[in-house]
């Protein structure tokens, strides 16, 4: 059985790790290189690095910072933010990223998923899907949840998978930063609909939340930020808790 993955997420703004609720009220959470090294030593399975202002401010992800983080860690590393072209991806992979994550750019031009999968392989293409409940329907949103689209989440998940996404990073903007638990029903629906791994994101606050999203929602991985950054939950303790619950993890 494949082990379930624990993935800390580093939201980057102006070269620092930040965290807020629903991407607002951001507070400093530390130096991303130091955090990346700490997570690697603590037993994180992967890292995700999202330049949260790159898309909004139309900037390119800081390749230099990616390179610096990559030299300090030996676990898979996904980078997102401001990725719009094949050249953008080439630069990030050359600087040490293992995978890239696209979100707004995929919504704007879905063919980008096909192009990246064809050029680099599906294994390094992660499509991030941010979603909100709008009129009782889970709907895809972009720009940190500020802009809604006409796309329904489950249908979009099917489409990105068909186009070559190798993984889906699913974030409920309703749950993000609240520490009230993951969106179990939505995650389960997506995980049972697509053939690629689904990373659950948004809402982690307690160890039980991780157990729930693995057992009840069939998530392949769970992502969190502030509870790890501010040491509310330690990764070694979390993994022992999950192993005790008979959930397969890498110890």
Protein backbone atom coordinates (compact mmCIF):
# COMPACT_ATOMS: atom_id res chain seq x y z
CA UNK A 1 0.00 0.00 0.00
CA UNK A 2 1.29 3.47 -0.85
CA UNK A 3 2.21 5.56 2.17
CA UNK A 4 0.24 8.71 2.89
CA UNK A 5 2.29 11.88 2.58
CA UNK A 6 2.60 14.85 4.93
CA UNK A 7 3.45 18.04 3.06
CA UNK A 8 4.27 21.38 4.68
CA UNK A 9 3.43 24.35 2.48
CA UNK A 10 5.53 27.49 2.42
CA UNK A 11 3.52 30.49 1.22
CA UNK A 12 6.11 33.03 0.12
CA UNK A 13 5.72 36.79 -0.07
CA UNK A 14 8.70 39.09 -0.64
CA UNK A 15 11.09 36.23 0.12
CA UNK A 16 9.56 35.38 3.52
CA UNK A 17 7.16 32.63 4.61
CA UNK A 18 3.77 34.07 5.55
CA UNK A 19 0.47 32.72 6.78
CA UNK A 20 -3.01 34.17 7.19
CA UNK A 21 -6.64 33.08 7.10
CA UNK A 22 -8.05 32.75 3.57
CA UNK A 23 -4.89 34.42 2.24
CA UNK A 24 -5.51 37.70 4.10
CA UNK A 25 -4.18 39.12 7.39
CA UNK A 26 -0.78 37.70 6.58
CA UNK A 27 1.83 37.36 9.31
CA UNK A 28 5.50 36.45 9.06
CA UNK A 29 6.25 32.77 9.67
CA UNK A 30 10.00 32.75 9.13
CA UNK A 31 12.81 32.25 6.68
CA UNK A 32 11.78 29.76 3.98
CA UNK A 33 15.23 28.16 3.71
CA UNK A 34 15.40 27.55 7.47
CA UNK A 35 11.86 26.14 7.49
CA UNK A 36 12.56 23.89 4.51
CA UNK A 37 15.62 22.47 6.23
CA UNK A 38 13.73 21.94 9.49
CA UNK A 39 10.90 20.09 7.72
CA UNK A 40 13.35 17.90 5.87
CA UNK A 41 15.01 16.94 9.15
CA UNK A 42 11.63 16.34 10.86
CA UNK A 43 10.54 13.80 8.24
CA UNK A 44 8.24 15.73 5.90
CA UNK A 45 7.61 13.69 2.76
CA UNK A 46 7.57 16.63 0.36
CA UNK A 47 7.49 20.42 0.36
CA UNK A 48 5.31 22.85 -1.57
CA UNK A 49 6.55 26.38 -2.17
CA UNK A 50 3.93 28.86 -3.41
CA UNK A 51 4.82 32.42 -4.28
CA UNK A 52 1.38 33.72 -3.35
CA UNK A 53 1.87 37.15 -4.87
CA UNK A 54 3.45 36.06 -8.15
CA UNK A 55 0.15 35.59 -10.00
CA UNK A 56 -1.56 38.62 -8.54
CA UNK A 57 1.34 41.00 -9.06
CA UNK A 58 2.29 39.36 -12.33
CA UNK A 59 5.80 38.50 -11.15
CA UNK A 60 7.90 35.45 -11.88
CA UNK A 61 8.67 33.06 -9.05
CA UNK A 62 12.01 33.78 -7.47
CA UNK A 63 14.25 31.18 -9.09
CA UNK A 64 17.15 32.11 -6.84
CA UNK A 65 15.17 31.29 -3.69
CA UNK A 66 14.03 28.01 -5.25
CA UNK A 67 17.64 27.12 -5.95
CA UNK A 68 18.69 27.98 -2.40
CA UNK A 69 15.92 25.87 -0.86
CA UNK A 70 16.64 22.96 -3.21
CA UNK A 71 20.32 22.85 -2.18
CA UNK A 72 19.31 22.33 1.47
CA UNK A 73 16.76 19.52 1.12
CA UNK A 74 16.60 15.96 -0.21
CA UNK A 75 12.82 15.45 -0.49
CA UNK A 76 10.57 16.20 -3.48
CA UNK A 77 9.81 19.86 -3.88
CA UNK A 78 6.91 21.50 -5.76
CA UNK A 79 6.97 25.16 -6.83
CA UNK A 80 4.01 27.33 -7.85
CA UNK A 81 3.23 30.95 -8.53
CA UNK A 82 3.35 32.95 -11.75
CA UNK A 83 3.96 29.94 -14.02
CA UNK A 84 2.55 30.61 -17.49
CA UNK A 85 4.91 29.09 -20.03
CA UNK A 86 7.19 26.16 -20.83
CA UNK A 87 10.16 28.48 -20.24
CA UNK A 88 8.91 29.31 -16.73
CA UNK A 89 8.86 25.61 -15.91
CA UNK A 90 12.29 24.98 -17.43
CA UNK A 91 13.83 27.67 -15.21
CA UNK A 92 12.26 26.22 -12.05
CA UNK A 93 13.23 22.63 -12.84
CA UNK A 94 16.78 23.75 -13.68
CA UNK A 95 16.93 25.48 -10.29
CA UNK A 96 16.02 22.35 -8.38
CA UNK A 97 12.24 22.00 -8.35
CA UNK A 98 10.97 18.43 -8.80
CA UNK A 99 7.43 19.42 -9.71
CA UNK A 100 5.58 22.59 -10.60
CA UNK A 101 2.09 23.70 -9.62
CA UNK A 102 -0.18 25.72 -11.86
CA UNK A 103 -3.54 27.21 -10.96
CA UNK A 104 -4.77 30.49 -12.48
CA UNK A 105 -2.76 29.96 -15.67
CA UNK A 106 -4.42 26.57 -16.22
CA UNK A 107 -7.88 28.05 -15.76
CA UNK A 108 -7.09 30.84 -18.22
CA UNK A 109 -5.56 28.48 -20.79
CA UNK A 110 -6.22 24.79 -20.12
CA UNK A 111 -3.99 23.73 -23.05
CA UNK A 112 -1.02 24.74 -20.89
CA UNK A 113 -1.54 21.50 -18.91
CA UNK A 114 -1.22 19.44 -22.12
CA UNK A 115 1.90 21.35 -23.17
CA UNK A 116 3.65 20.92 -19.84
CA UNK A 117 2.76 17.23 -19.57
CA UNK A 118 4.03 16.63 -23.11
CA UNK A 119 7.30 18.51 -22.54
CA UNK A 120 8.17 17.48 -18.98
CA UNK A 121 5.97 14.47 -18.18
CA UNK A 122 2.81 14.26 -16.09
CA UNK A 123 4.83 13.29 -13.02
CA UNK A 124 6.00 16.87 -12.56
CA UNK A 125 2.72 18.66 -13.35
CA UNK A 126 0.55 19.46 -10.34
CA UNK A 127 -2.68 21.36 -10.93
CA UNK A 128 -3.79 23.33 -7.90
CA UNK A 129 -7.55 23.73 -7.62
CA UNK A 130 -8.83 26.38 -5.22
CA UNK A 131 -12.52 26.05 -4.57
CA UNK A 132 -15.42 27.70 -2.73
CA UNK A 133 -19.06 26.85 -2.18
CA UNK A 134 -20.98 29.27 -4.39
CA UNK A 135 -24.77 28.85 -4.56
CA UNK A 136 -24.36 25.39 -2.98
CA UNK A 137 -21.92 24.26 -5.71
CA UNK A 138 -18.18 23.72 -5.26
CA UNK A 139 -16.80 26.21 -7.77
CA UNK A 140 -13.22 26.87 -8.91
CA UNK A 141 -11.78 30.21 -7.79
CA UNK A 142 -8.50 31.95 -8.66
CA UNK A 143 -6.21 34.71 -7.36
CA UNK A 144 -6.24 33.45 -3.79
CA UNK A 145 -10.01 33.00 -3.85
CA UNK A 146 -10.76 36.54 -4.94
CA UNK A 147 -12.04 35.68 -8.42
CA UNK A 148 -14.71 33.06 -9.09
CA UNK A 149 -14.95 31.14 -12.38
CA UNK A 150 -17.70 29.31 -14.24
CA UNK A 151 -16.00 25.95 -13.57
CA UNK A 152 -17.42 23.31 -11.26
CA UNK A 153 -14.71 21.69 -9.18
CA UNK A 154 -15.35 18.02 -9.95
CA UNK A 155 -15.66 18.62 -13.69
CA UNK A 156 -12.47 20.70 -13.70
CA UNK A 157 -10.63 17.95 -11.79
CA UNK A 158 -11.67 15.45 -14.48
CA UNK A 159 -10.54 17.79 -17.25
CA UNK A 160 -7.10 18.58 -15.81
CA UNK A 161 -6.47 14.87 -15.27
CA UNK A 162 -7.47 14.08 -18.85
CA UNK A 163 -5.12 16.82 -20.07
CA UNK A 164 -2.15 15.30 -18.27
CA UNK A 165 -2.01 16.56 -14.69
CA UNK A 166 -0.13 14.03 -12.57
CA UNK A 167 -1.51 15.25 -9.27
CA UNK A 168 -4.20 17.57 -7.91
CA UNK A 169 -3.66 19.96 -5.01
CA UNK A 170 -7.18 20.62 -3.75
CA UNK A 171 -7.71 23.60 -1.44
CA UNK A 172 -11.05 24.49 0.09
CA UNK A 173 -10.90 28.26 0.53
CA UNK A 174 -13.84 27.90 2.93
CA UNK A 175 -11.65 25.86 5.29
CA UNK A 176 -8.24 27.45 4.62
CA UNK A 177 -6.59 28.79 7.76
CA UNK A 178 -9.59 28.01 9.98
CA UNK A 179 -8.05 24.91 11.63
CA UNK A 180 -11.52 23.35 11.69
CA UNK A 181 -10.69 20.30 9.57
CA UNK A 182 -10.38 19.49 5.87
CA UNK A 183 -13.29 19.49 3.40
CA UNK A 184 -13.91 15.76 3.78
CA UNK A 185 -16.89 15.29 1.45
CA UNK A 186 -15.37 17.35 -1.36
CA UNK A 187 -11.96 15.68 -1.07
CA UNK A 188 -13.57 12.24 -1.11
CA UNK A 189 -15.59 13.11 -4.20
CA UNK A 190 -12.51 14.30 -6.11
CA UNK A 191 -10.29 11.43 -4.90
CA UNK A 192 -12.89 8.90 -6.01
CA UNK A 193 -13.42 10.63 -9.37
CA UNK A 194 -9.86 11.03 -10.69
CA UNK A 195 -7.11 8.46 -11.24
CA UNK A 196 -4.24 10.66 -9.99
CA UNK A 197 -3.17 11.41 -6.40
CA UNK A 198 -5.09 14.12 -4.56
CA UNK A 199 -3.42 16.36 -1.98
CA UNK A 200 -5.92 17.75 0.52
CA UNK A 201 -5.33 21.31 1.67
CA UNK A 202 -7.13 23.84 3.84
CA UNK A 203 -8.33 23.44 7.41
CA UNK A 204 -5.77 21.30 9.23
CA UNK A 205 -5.76 22.10 12.94
CA UNK A 206 -5.47 18.83 14.86
CA UNK A 207 -3.91 15.43 14.31
CA UNK A 208 -7.38 13.91 13.98
CA UNK A 209 -8.00 16.05 10.92
CA UNK A 210 -5.18 14.27 9.10
CA UNK A 211 -6.48 10.86 10.10
CA UNK A 212 -9.96 11.84 8.89
CA UNK A 213 -8.82 13.07 5.49
CA UNK A 214 -6.81 9.89 4.89
CA UNK A 215 -9.39 7.42 6.21
CA UNK A 216 -12.69 9.07 5.29
CA UNK A 217 -11.75 11.00 2.15
CA UNK A 218 -9.10 8.75 0.54
CA UNK A 219 -6.64 11.63 0.17
CA UNK A 220 -3.16 10.57 -0.91
CA UNK A 221 -1.46 13.43 0.89
CA UNK A 222 -2.33 16.22 3.30
CA UNK A 223 -0.88 19.69 3.20
CA UNK A 224 -0.71 22.27 5.98
CA UNK A 225 1.18 25.42 6.80
CA UNK A 226 0.73 27.40 10.00
CA UNK A 227 0.33 24.43 12.36
CA UNK A 228 3.77 23.27 11.22
CA UNK A 229 5.42 26.71 10.95
CA UNK A 230 4.42 27.71 14.49
CA UNK A 231 5.11 24.21 15.91
CA UNK A 232 1.50 23.58 16.97
CA UNK A 233 1.92 20.07 15.54
CA UNK A 234 5.29 18.37 15.10
CA UNK A 235 5.65 16.13 12.06
CA UNK A 236 7.32 13.20 13.90
CA UNK A 237 4.50 13.17 16.47
CA UNK A 238 1.87 13.40 13.74
CA UNK A 239 3.36 10.47 11.84
CA UNK A 240 3.49 8.32 14.98
CA UNK A 241 -0.16 9.20 15.67
CA UNK A 242 -1.15 8.18 12.13
CA UNK A 243 0.88 4.97 12.28
CA UNK A 244 -0.86 4.08 15.55
CA UNK A 245 -4.16 4.54 13.68
CA UNK A 246 -2.96 1.98 11.09
CA UNK A 247 -2.52 4.65 8.44
CA UNK A 248 0.57 3.85 6.31
CA UNK A 249 3.20 6.60 6.64
CA UNK A 250 6.95 6.83 6.14
CA UNK A 251 8.50 6.95 9.63
